[in-house]
Amino acid sequence: MANIVFIATSLDGFIADKNNGIDWLHSIPGTEGLDLGYDKHIASIDALVMGRNTFELVCSFDCDWPYTKPVFVLSNTLQDIPNGYEDKIRLVNGELSQLVKQLNDEGFENLYIDGGVTIQHFLKADMIDEMIITTIPIVLGSGIRLFGEQSQALNFACTSSERFENGICQNAFARKR
């Protein structure tokens, strides 16, 4: 069982710009149609756990629902599933270790953890096992950081690195316990 982060950051560690925008993800030429390991990652997970903000961002995209795996939206404020998403998501909340245990008991063993606040909460609870971080070579200067303050140091080991022709790089890390 593993809780896995798969996310892109700017060179200075932001996952969104100061206006919560992610258009900069496509600012590097040669990214159109580039998979960057996403399909392989999705094939390796059983479900997604994302925060409300990430869910709302995905809903704002001008496309069909992009996920084929079950999606659990972690929120303490969202009370009802928005119209049109009743068969696409399940709302969850509560203490993370209990939530993960419940999902694992339901057969969802490898979880894709997505969304800045959600990732930070999982890190604070020391519940991230792997991270795949794609670095887009752009300096945003401000925005939403991937990593927030931690009360303790968490050691990870780099398990692989890949550099793509357009200057994007991707590093995979595993938690050292």
N, C-alpha and C. Protein backbone atom coordinates (compact mmCIF):
# COMPACT_ATOMS: atom_id res chain seq x y z
N MET A 1 0.84 -1.18 0.00
CA MET A 1 0.00 0.00 0.00
C MET A 1 0.88 1.24 0.00
N ALA A 2 0.50 2.23 -0.81
CA ALA A 2 1.31 3.43 -0.89
C ALA A 2 0.42 4.64 -1.15
N ASN A 3 0.81 5.76 -0.56
CA ASN A 3 0.22 7.07 -0.84
C ASN A 3 1.23 7.81 -1.68
N ILE A 4 0.84 8.16 -2.90
CA ILE A 4 1.78 8.65 -3.90
C ILE A 4 1.37 10.03 -4.40
N VAL A 5 2.33 10.93 -4.42
CA VAL A 5 2.14 12.27 -4.99
C VAL A 5 2.69 12.25 -6.41
N PHE A 6 1.94 12.82 -7.34
CA PHE A 6 2.39 13.02 -8.72
C PHE A 6 1.99 14.43 -9.07
N ILE A 7 2.98 15.33 -9.18
CA ILE A 7 2.64 16.75 -9.32
C ILE A 7 3.76 17.48 -10.05
N ALA A 8 3.42 18.62 -10.60
CA ALA A 8 4.40 19.49 -11.25
C ALA A 8 4.59 20.75 -10.42
N THR A 9 5.82 21.24 -10.41
CA THR A 9 6.13 22.50 -9.74
C THR A 9 6.93 23.38 -10.67
N SER A 10 6.93 24.66 -10.35
CA SER A 10 7.84 25.58 -11.01
C SER A 10 9.24 25.34 -10.45
N LEU A 11 10.22 25.93 -11.06
CA LEU A 11 11.59 25.78 -10.59
C LEU A 11 11.75 26.26 -9.15
N ASP A 12 10.94 27.26 -8.76
CA ASP A 12 11.01 27.76 -7.39
C ASP A 12 9.97 27.14 -6.46
N GLY A 13 9.39 26.00 -6.85
CA GLY A 13 8.59 25.19 -5.95
C GLY A 13 7.11 25.53 -5.83
N PHE A 14 6.57 26.27 -6.79
CA PHE A 14 5.15 26.60 -6.75
C PHE A 14 4.33 25.64 -7.61
N ILE A 15 3.12 25.31 -7.15
CA ILE A 15 2.23 24.44 -7.93
C ILE A 15 1.14 25.24 -8.64
N ALA A 16 1.00 26.50 -8.27
CA ALA A 16 0.07 27.42 -8.93
C ALA A 16 0.63 28.83 -8.77
N ASP A 17 0.23 29.71 -9.68
CA ASP A 17 0.72 31.09 -9.57
C ASP A 17 -0.08 31.85 -8.52
N LYS A 18 0.20 33.13 -8.36
CA LYS A 18 -0.42 33.91 -7.29
C LYS A 18 -1.93 34.06 -7.46
N ASN A 19 -2.44 33.77 -8.67
CA ASN A 19 -3.88 33.83 -8.92
C ASN A 19 -4.50 32.43 -8.98
N ASN A 20 -3.80 31.44 -8.43
CA ASN A 20 -4.20 30.03 -8.47
C ASN A 20 -4.20 29.45 -9.87
N GLY A 21 -3.56 30.13 -10.80
CA GLY A 21 -3.51 29.66 -12.18
C GLY A 21 -2.44 28.61 -12.42
N ILE A 22 -2.70 27.77 -13.40
CA ILE A 22 -1.71 26.74 -13.77
C ILE A 22 -1.38 26.78 -15.26
N ASP A 23 -1.72 27.88 -15.93
CA ASP A 23 -1.41 28.02 -17.36
C ASP A 23 0.08 27.91 -17.63
N TRP A 24 0.90 28.30 -16.67
CA TRP A 24 2.35 28.25 -16.81
C TRP A 24 2.86 26.82 -17.05
N LEU A 25 2.05 25.82 -16.69
CA LEU A 25 2.46 24.43 -16.92
C LEU A 25 2.70 24.16 -18.40
N HIS A 26 2.05 24.95 -19.26
CA HIS A 26 2.17 24.76 -20.71
C HIS A 26 3.02 25.86 -21.34
N SER A 27 3.81 26.55 -20.54
CA SER A 27 4.61 27.67 -21.05
C SER A 27 5.88 27.22 -21.77
N ILE A 28 6.25 25.98 -21.60
CA ILE A 28 7.47 25.46 -22.23
C ILE A 28 7.10 24.80 -23.55
N PRO A 29 7.73 25.21 -24.65
CA PRO A 29 7.44 24.58 -25.95
C PRO A 29 7.74 23.08 -25.90
N GLY A 30 6.95 22.33 -26.64
CA GLY A 30 7.19 20.89 -26.75
C GLY A 30 6.47 20.06 -25.70
N THR A 31 5.56 20.68 -24.93
CA THR A 31 4.85 19.91 -23.91
C THR A 31 3.52 19.36 -24.42
N GLU A 32 3.05 19.85 -25.54
CA GLU A 32 1.76 19.40 -26.07
C GLU A 32 1.82 17.91 -26.37
N GLY A 33 0.94 17.16 -25.73
CA GLY A 33 0.88 15.72 -25.94
C GLY A 33 1.95 14.93 -25.22
N LEU A 34 2.80 15.60 -24.44
CA LEU A 34 3.86 14.92 -23.70
C LEU A 34 3.26 14.33 -22.43
N ASP A 35 3.39 13.04 -22.25
CA ASP A 35 2.74 12.32 -21.15
C ASP A 35 3.47 12.48 -19.83
N LEU A 36 4.78 12.52 -19.83
CA LEU A 36 5.60 12.67 -18.62
C LEU A 36 5.32 11.59 -17.57
N GLY A 37 4.89 10.43 -18.00
CA GLY A 37 4.68 9.32 -17.08
C GLY A 37 3.33 9.28 -16.42
N TYR A 38 2.43 10.20 -16.80
CA TYR A 38 1.13 10.28 -16.15
C TYR A 38 0.31 9.00 -16.36
N ASP A 39 0.26 8.50 -17.59
CA ASP A 39 -0.53 7.30 -17.87
C ASP A 39 -0.02 6.10 -17.07
N LYS A 40 1.29 5.96 -16.99
CA LYS A 40 1.87 4.86 -16.20
C LYS A 40 1.50 5.03 -14.73
N HIS A 41 1.57 6.27 -14.24
CA HIS A 41 1.21 6.54 -12.84
C HIS A 41 -0.25 6.18 -12.58
N ILE A 42 -1.15 6.64 -13.43
CA ILE A 42 -2.58 6.37 -13.25
C ILE A 42 -2.84 4.87 -13.28
N ALA A 43 -2.15 4.15 -14.14
CA ALA A 43 -2.33 2.70 -14.21
C ALA A 43 -1.89 2.01 -12.92
N SER A 44 -0.99 2.64 -12.16
CA SER A 44 -0.44 2.02 -10.96
C SER A 44 -1.24 2.30 -9.69
N ILE A 45 -2.24 3.18 -9.78
CA ILE A 45 -2.99 3.55 -8.57
C ILE A 45 -4.39 2.97 -8.63
N ASP A 46 -5.01 2.90 -7.45
CA ASP A 46 -6.38 2.38 -7.36
C ASP A 46 -7.42 3.49 -7.27
N ALA A 47 -7.02 4.64 -6.74
CA ALA A 47 -7.96 5.75 -6.55
C ALA A 47 -7.18 7.03 -6.31
N LEU A 48 -7.88 8.16 -6.43
CA LEU A 48 -7.32 9.47 -6.16
C LEU A 48 -7.96 10.05 -4.90
N VAL A 49 -7.14 10.71 -4.10
CA VAL A 49 -7.64 11.51 -2.99
C VAL A 49 -7.18 12.94 -3.28
N MET A 50 -8.14 13.81 -3.53
CA MET A 50 -7.80 15.20 -3.83
C MET A 50 -8.56 16.13 -2.92
N GLY A 51 -8.01 17.31 -2.74
CA GLY A 51 -8.68 18.32 -1.93
C GLY A 51 -9.78 19.02 -2.70
N ARG A 52 -10.59 19.75 -1.97
CA ARG A 52 -11.70 20.49 -2.57
C ARG A 52 -11.22 21.50 -3.60
N ASN A 53 -10.14 22.24 -3.28
CA ASN A 53 -9.64 23.24 -4.22
C ASN A 53 -9.22 22.60 -5.54
N THR A 54 -8.56 21.47 -5.48
CA THR A 54 -8.13 20.77 -6.70
C THR A 54 -9.35 20.26 -7.46
N PHE A 55 -10.32 19.72 -6.74
CA PHE A 55 -11.55 19.27 -7.37
C PHE A 55 -12.22 20.42 -8.12
N GLU A 56 -12.34 21.58 -7.46
CA GLU A 56 -12.98 22.73 -8.11
C GLU A 56 -12.18 23.20 -9.32
N LEU A 57 -10.85 23.12 -9.24
CA LEU A 57 -10.03 23.49 -10.38
C LEU A 57 -10.28 22.54 -11.55
N VAL A 58 -10.30 21.24 -11.27
CA VAL A 58 -10.55 20.26 -12.33
C VAL A 58 -11.93 20.48 -12.96
N CYS A 59 -12.92 20.81 -12.13
CA CYS A 59 -14.27 21.07 -12.64
C CYS A 59 -14.31 22.28 -13.56
N SER A 60 -13.37 23.22 -13.39
CA SER A 60 -13.35 24.43 -14.20
C SER A 60 -12.71 24.21 -15.58
N PHE A 61 -12.05 23.07 -15.77
CA PHE A 61 -11.42 22.79 -17.06
C PHE A 61 -12.50 22.56 -18.11
N ASP A 62 -12.20 22.98 -19.31
CA ASP A 62 -13.14 22.80 -20.42
C ASP A 62 -12.88 21.44 -21.08
N CYS A 63 -13.25 20.38 -20.33
CA CYS A 63 -13.04 19.03 -20.85
C CYS A 63 -13.96 18.07 -20.11
N ASP A 64 -14.05 16.86 -20.63
CA ASP A 64 -14.79 15.81 -19.93
C ASP A 64 -14.04 15.44 -18.67
N TRP A 65 -14.72 14.77 -17.75
CA TRP A 65 -14.10 14.31 -16.51
C TRP A 65 -12.86 13.49 -16.87
N PRO A 66 -11.68 13.89 -16.38
CA PRO A 66 -10.44 13.27 -16.85
C PRO A 66 -10.03 11.97 -16.16
N TYR A 67 -10.79 11.51 -15.16
CA TYR A 67 -10.33 10.36 -14.37
C TYR A 67 -11.16 9.12 -14.64
N THR A 68 -10.47 8.00 -14.75
CA THR A 68 -11.13 6.71 -14.92
C THR A 68 -11.13 5.91 -13.62
N LYS A 69 -10.37 6.36 -12.64
CA LYS A 69 -10.30 5.71 -11.33
C LYS A 69 -11.22 6.44 -10.36
N PRO A 70 -11.63 5.76 -9.27
CA PRO A 70 -12.46 6.44 -8.27
C PRO A 70 -11.74 7.66 -7.69
N VAL A 71 -12.51 8.71 -7.44
CA VAL A 71 -11.98 9.96 -6.90
C VAL A 71 -12.68 10.26 -5.58
N PHE A 72 -11.87 10.46 -4.54
CA PHE A 72 -12.37 10.83 -3.22
C PHE A 72 -11.94 12.27 -2.97
N VAL A 73 -12.91 13.14 -2.75
CA VAL A 73 -12.63 14.56 -2.51
C VAL A 73 -12.65 14.79 -1.01
N LEU A 74 -11.48 15.18 -0.51
CA LEU A 74 -11.30 15.43 0.92
C LEU A 74 -11.69 16.87 1.22
N SER A 75 -12.76 17.02 2.01
CA SER A 75 -13.22 18.37 2.33
C SER A 75 -13.99 18.36 3.64
N ASN A 76 -13.72 19.38 4.45
CA ASN A 76 -14.50 19.57 5.68
C ASN A 76 -15.60 20.59 5.48
N THR A 77 -15.62 21.25 4.30
CA THR A 77 -16.61 22.29 4.07
C THR A 77 -17.64 21.92 3.01
N LEU A 78 -17.27 21.14 2.02
CA LEU A 78 -18.19 20.75 0.96
C LEU A 78 -19.18 19.72 1.52
N GLN A 79 -20.46 20.06 1.53
CA GLN A 79 -21.47 19.18 2.13
C GLN A 79 -22.17 18.29 1.10
N ASP A 80 -22.32 18.80 -0.12
CA ASP A 80 -23.02 18.07 -1.16
C ASP A 80 -22.17 17.98 -2.41
N ILE A 81 -22.32 16.89 -3.11
CA ILE A 81 -21.62 16.72 -4.38
C ILE A 81 -22.30 17.61 -5.41
N PRO A 82 -21.53 18.42 -6.12
CA PRO A 82 -22.14 19.29 -7.13
C PRO A 82 -22.86 18.48 -8.21
N ASN A 83 -23.93 19.07 -8.75
CA ASN A 83 -24.70 18.42 -9.82
C ASN A 83 -23.78 18.01 -10.96
N GLY A 84 -23.99 16.81 -11.43
CA GLY A 84 -23.22 16.29 -12.55
C GLY A 84 -22.01 15.48 -12.13
N TYR A 85 -21.69 15.50 -10.84
CA TYR A 85 -20.51 14.77 -10.36
C TYR A 85 -20.87 13.64 -9.40
N GLU A 86 -22.16 13.38 -9.25
CA GLU A 86 -22.61 12.37 -8.30
C GLU A 86 -22.00 10.99 -8.57
N ASP A 87 -21.80 10.65 -9.83
CA ASP A 87 -21.23 9.34 -10.17
C ASP A 87 -19.72 9.40 -10.40
N LYS A 88 -19.12 10.55 -10.12
CA LYS A 88 -17.69 10.73 -10.39
C LYS A 88 -16.84 10.82 -9.13
N ILE A 89 -17.42 11.32 -8.03
CA ILE A 89 -16.64 11.52 -6.81
C ILE A 89 -17.40 11.01 -5.59
N ARG A 90 -16.65 10.85 -4.52
CA ARG A 90 -17.24 10.59 -3.21
C ARG A 90 -16.60 11.56 -2.23
N LEU A 91 -17.40 12.25 -1.46
CA LEU A 91 -16.88 13.18 -0.45
C LEU A 91 -16.41 12.39 0.76
N VAL A 92 -15.23 12.76 1.27
CA VAL A 92 -14.68 12.14 2.47
C VAL A 92 -14.09 13.23 3.35
N ASN A 93 -14.02 12.94 4.65
CA ASN A 93 -13.36 13.86 5.58
C ASN A 93 -12.95 13.08 6.80
N GLY A 94 -12.34 13.78 7.73
CA GLY A 94 -11.93 13.13 8.97
C GLY A 94 -10.43 12.97 9.07
N GLU A 95 -10.02 12.26 10.09
CA GLU A 95 -8.61 12.06 10.40
C GLU A 95 -7.98 11.19 9.30
N LEU A 96 -6.83 11.63 8.78
CA LEU A 96 -6.25 11.00 7.60
C LEU A 96 -5.92 9.52 7.78
N SER A 97 -5.37 9.13 8.92
CA SER A 97 -5.01 7.72 9.09
C SER A 97 -6.25 6.84 9.05
N GLN A 98 -7.35 7.30 9.63
CA GLN A 98 -8.60 6.54 9.60
C GLN A 98 -9.18 6.50 8.19
N LEU A 99 -9.10 7.62 7.48
CA LEU A 99 -9.59 7.68 6.12
C LEU A 99 -8.82 6.72 5.22
N VAL A 100 -7.50 6.75 5.31
CA VAL A 100 -6.68 5.86 4.48
C VAL A 100 -6.95 4.41 4.84
N LYS A 101 -7.09 4.11 6.12
CA LYS A 101 -7.40 2.74 6.53
C LYS A 101 -8.72 2.30 5.94
N GLN A 102 -9.72 3.16 6.00
CA GLN A 102 -11.04 2.84 5.43
C GLN A 102 -10.92 2.57 3.93
N LEU A 103 -10.21 3.43 3.21
CA LEU A 103 -10.05 3.23 1.76
C LEU A 103 -9.27 1.96 1.47
N ASN A 104 -8.21 1.70 2.25
CA ASN A 104 -7.44 0.47 2.08
C ASN A 104 -8.34 -0.74 2.32
N ASP A 105 -9.16 -0.70 3.36
CA ASP A 105 -10.09 -1.79 3.67
C ASP A 105 -11.10 -2.02 2.55
N GLU A 106 -11.42 -0.95 1.81
CA GLU A 106 -12.34 -1.06 0.67
C GLU A 106 -11.63 -1.55 -0.59
N GLY A 107 -10.32 -1.81 -0.49
CA GLY A 107 -9.58 -2.33 -1.64
C GLY A 107 -8.78 -1.30 -2.40
N PHE A 108 -8.79 -0.06 -1.96
CA PHE A 108 -8.02 1.01 -2.62
C PHE A 108 -6.68 1.10 -1.90
N GLU A 109 -5.68 0.41 -2.43
CA GLU A 109 -4.40 0.30 -1.72
C GLU A 109 -3.38 1.35 -2.13
N ASN A 110 -3.30 1.66 -3.41
CA ASN A 110 -2.35 2.66 -3.89
C ASN A 110 -3.13 3.92 -4.23
N LEU A 111 -2.91 4.96 -3.42
CA LEU A 111 -3.67 6.19 -3.54
C LEU A 111 -2.83 7.31 -4.11
N TYR A 112 -3.37 7.98 -5.10
CA TYR A 112 -2.76 9.17 -5.69
C TYR A 112 -3.26 10.35 -4.87
N ILE A 113 -2.36 11.01 -4.16
CA ILE A 113 -2.69 12.15 -3.31
C ILE A 113 -2.42 13.41 -4.12
N ASP A 114 -3.46 14.25 -4.29
CA ASP A 114 -3.32 15.40 -5.18
C ASP A 114 -3.91 16.65 -4.54
N GLY A 115 -3.26 17.78 -4.79
CA GLY A 115 -3.70 19.07 -4.28
C GLY A 115 -2.75 19.56 -3.20
N GLY A 116 -2.36 20.82 -3.30
CA GLY A 116 -1.36 21.38 -2.40
C GLY A 116 -1.65 21.21 -0.93
N VAL A 117 -2.82 21.64 -0.48
CA VAL A 117 -3.16 21.56 0.94
C VAL A 117 -3.25 20.09 1.36
N THR A 118 -3.84 19.26 0.52
CA THR A 118 -3.99 17.84 0.85
C THR A 118 -2.62 17.18 0.97
N ILE A 119 -1.73 17.46 0.05
CA ILE A 119 -0.37 16.91 0.12
C ILE A 119 0.32 17.38 1.40
N GLN A 120 0.18 18.65 1.72
CA GLN A 120 0.80 19.17 2.94
C GLN A 120 0.26 18.48 4.19
N HIS A 121 -1.05 18.23 4.23
CA HIS A 121 -1.63 17.54 5.39
C HIS A 121 -1.12 16.10 5.48
N PHE A 122 -1.02 15.42 4.35
CA PHE A 122 -0.50 14.05 4.35
C PHE A 122 0.96 14.04 4.79
N LEU A 123 1.74 15.03 4.36
CA LEU A 123 3.14 15.11 4.78
C LEU A 123 3.23 15.37 6.28
N LYS A 124 2.42 16.27 6.79
CA LYS A 124 2.44 16.56 8.24
C LYS A 124 2.10 15.32 9.06
N ALA A 125 1.26 14.45 8.50
CA ALA A 125 0.91 13.20 9.18
C ALA A 125 1.90 12.08 8.84
N ASP A 126 2.95 12.40 8.08
CA ASP A 126 3.96 11.43 7.63
C ASP A 126 3.30 10.25 6.94
N MET A 127 2.43 10.57 5.99
CA MET A 127 1.69 9.54 5.28
C MET A 127 1.92 9.57 3.77
N ILE A 128 3.03 10.13 3.33
CA ILE A 128 3.39 10.08 1.91
C ILE A 128 4.53 9.08 1.77
N ASP A 129 4.34 8.11 0.89
CA ASP A 129 5.33 7.06 0.68
C ASP A 129 6.22 7.33 -0.53
N GLU A 130 5.65 7.94 -1.55
CA GLU A 130 6.39 8.22 -2.78
C GLU A 130 5.96 9.58 -3.34
N MET A 131 6.90 10.24 -4.00
CA MET A 131 6.59 11.49 -4.69
C MET A 131 7.24 11.47 -6.05
N ILE A 132 6.47 11.83 -7.07
CA ILE A 132 7.00 12.03 -8.42
C ILE A 132 6.76 13.50 -8.72
N ILE A 133 7.85 14.24 -8.81
CA ILE A 133 7.75 15.70 -8.96
C ILE A 133 8.37 16.10 -10.29
N THR A 134 7.54 16.66 -11.14
CA THR A 134 7.99 17.16 -12.44
C THR A 134 8.28 18.65 -12.27
N THR A 135 9.48 19.07 -12.65
CA THR A 135 9.86 20.47 -12.51
C THR A 135 9.82 21.16 -13.86
N ILE A 136 8.97 22.16 -13.96
CA ILE A 136 8.85 22.98 -15.16
C ILE A 136 9.85 24.13 -14.99
N PRO A 137 10.77 24.30 -15.93
CA PRO A 137 11.83 25.30 -15.74
C PRO A 137 11.37 26.74 -15.95
N ILE A 138 10.55 27.19 -15.02
CA ILE A 138 10.08 28.56 -15.01
C ILE A 138 10.09 29.03 -13.55
N VAL A 139 10.49 30.27 -13.33
CA VAL A 139 10.47 30.86 -11.99
C VAL A 139 9.25 31.75 -11.92
N LEU A 140 8.31 31.40 -11.03
CA LEU A 140 7.08 32.18 -10.88
C LEU A 140 7.24 33.33 -9.89
N GLY A 141 8.09 33.18 -8.90
CA GLY A 141 8.32 34.23 -7.92
C GLY A 141 7.34 34.26 -6.77
N SER A 142 6.12 33.80 -7.00
CA SER A 142 5.12 33.73 -5.93
C SER A 142 4.02 32.79 -6.37
N GLY A 143 3.17 32.44 -5.41
CA GLY A 143 2.06 31.55 -5.72
C GLY A 143 1.82 30.59 -4.58
N ILE A 144 1.33 29.41 -4.92
CA ILE A 144 1.03 28.38 -3.93
C ILE A 144 2.16 27.37 -3.94
N ARG A 145 2.81 27.23 -2.81
CA ARG A 145 3.94 26.31 -2.69
C ARG A 145 3.47 24.88 -2.54
N LEU A 146 4.28 23.96 -3.06
CA LEU A 146 3.99 22.54 -2.86
C LEU A 146 4.16 22.18 -1.39
N PHE A 147 5.27 22.60 -0.80
CA PHE A 147 5.56 22.20 0.56
C PHE A 147 5.31 23.36 1.52
N GLY A 148 4.63 23.05 2.60
CA GLY A 148 4.42 24.02 3.67
C GLY A 148 5.36 23.70 4.81
N GLU A 149 5.16 24.41 5.91
CA GLU A 149 5.98 24.15 7.10
C GLU A 149 5.71 22.76 7.63
N GLN A 150 6.78 22.12 8.07
CA GLN A 150 6.68 20.79 8.66
C GLN A 150 7.22 20.86 10.08
N SER A 151 6.63 20.08 10.96
CA SER A 151 7.11 20.06 12.34
C SER A 151 8.31 19.14 12.52
N GLN A 152 8.55 18.31 11.52
CA GLN A 152 9.68 17.39 11.58
C GLN A 152 10.26 17.20 10.18
N ALA A 153 11.52 16.83 10.12
CA ALA A 153 12.14 16.54 8.84
C ALA A 153 11.69 15.16 8.38
N LEU A 154 11.41 15.03 7.10
CA LEU A 154 11.04 13.75 6.50
C LEU A 154 12.08 13.40 5.46
N ASN A 155 12.73 12.28 5.62
CA ASN A 155 13.78 11.87 4.69
C ASN A 155 13.22 11.06 3.54
N PHE A 156 13.61 11.45 2.34
CA PHE A 156 13.25 10.74 1.12
C PHE A 156 14.53 10.42 0.36
N ALA A 157 14.49 9.39 -0.46
CA ALA A 157 15.62 9.04 -1.33
C ALA A 157 15.16 9.17 -2.77
N CYS A 158 16.00 9.77 -3.60
CA CYS A 158 15.69 9.88 -5.02
C CYS A 158 15.87 8.49 -5.65
N THR A 159 14.80 7.99 -6.27
CA THR A 159 14.85 6.66 -6.87
C THR A 159 15.04 6.71 -8.38
N SER A 160 14.73 7.85 -8.99
CA SER A 160 14.98 8.00 -10.43
C SER A 160 14.89 9.47 -10.81
N SER A 161 15.58 9.81 -11.88
CA SER A 161 15.54 11.15 -12.46
C SER A 161 15.49 11.02 -13.97
N GLU A 162 14.71 11.90 -14.59
CA GLU A 162 14.64 11.89 -16.05
C GLU A 162 14.58 13.33 -16.53
N ARG A 163 15.35 13.60 -17.58
CA ARG A 163 15.34 14.92 -18.20
C ARG A 163 14.75 14.77 -19.59
N PHE A 164 13.80 15.62 -19.92
CA PHE A 164 13.15 15.58 -21.22
C PHE A 164 13.78 16.62 -22.14
N GLU A 165 13.64 16.43 -23.45
CA GLU A 165 14.28 17.29 -24.44
C GLU A 165 13.93 18.76 -24.29
N ASN A 166 12.74 19.06 -23.79
CA ASN A 166 12.31 20.45 -23.68
C ASN A 166 12.79 21.13 -22.40
N GLY A 167 13.64 20.45 -21.62
CA GLY A 167 14.20 21.05 -20.42
C GLY A 167 13.45 20.73 -19.14
N ILE A 168 12.34 20.04 -19.25
CA ILE A 168 11.59 19.61 -18.08
C ILE A 168 12.30 18.42 -17.46
N CYS A 169 12.30 18.34 -16.14
CA CYS A 169 12.89 17.16 -15.48
C CYS A 169 11.88 16.58 -14.50
N GLN A 170 12.06 15.32 -14.21
CA GLN A 170 11.16 14.62 -13.31
C GLN A 170 11.99 13.76 -12.36
N ASN A 171 11.70 13.89 -11.07
CA ASN A 171 12.39 13.12 -10.05
C ASN A 171 11.38 12.32 -9.25
N ALA A 172 11.73 11.08 -8.96
CA ALA A 172 10.90 10.22 -8.12
C ALA A 172 11.63 10.01 -6.79
N PHE A 173 10.86 10.06 -5.71
CA PHE A 173 11.40 9.92 -4.37
C PHE A 173 10.60 8.88 -3.59
N ALA A 174 11.29 8.15 -2.72
CA ALA A 174 10.62 7.20 -1.83
C ALA A 174 10.95 7.59 -0.40
N ARG A 175 9.98 7.47 0.47
CA ARG A 175 10.15 7.82 1.88
C ARG A 175 11.10 6.82 2.53
N LYS A 176 12.10 7.35 3.23
CA LYS A 176 13.03 6.54 4.02
C LYS A 176 12.55 6.57 5.46
N ARG A 177 12.19 5.42 5.99
CA ARG A 177 11.69 5.34 7.37
C ARG A 177 12.67 4.62 8.23
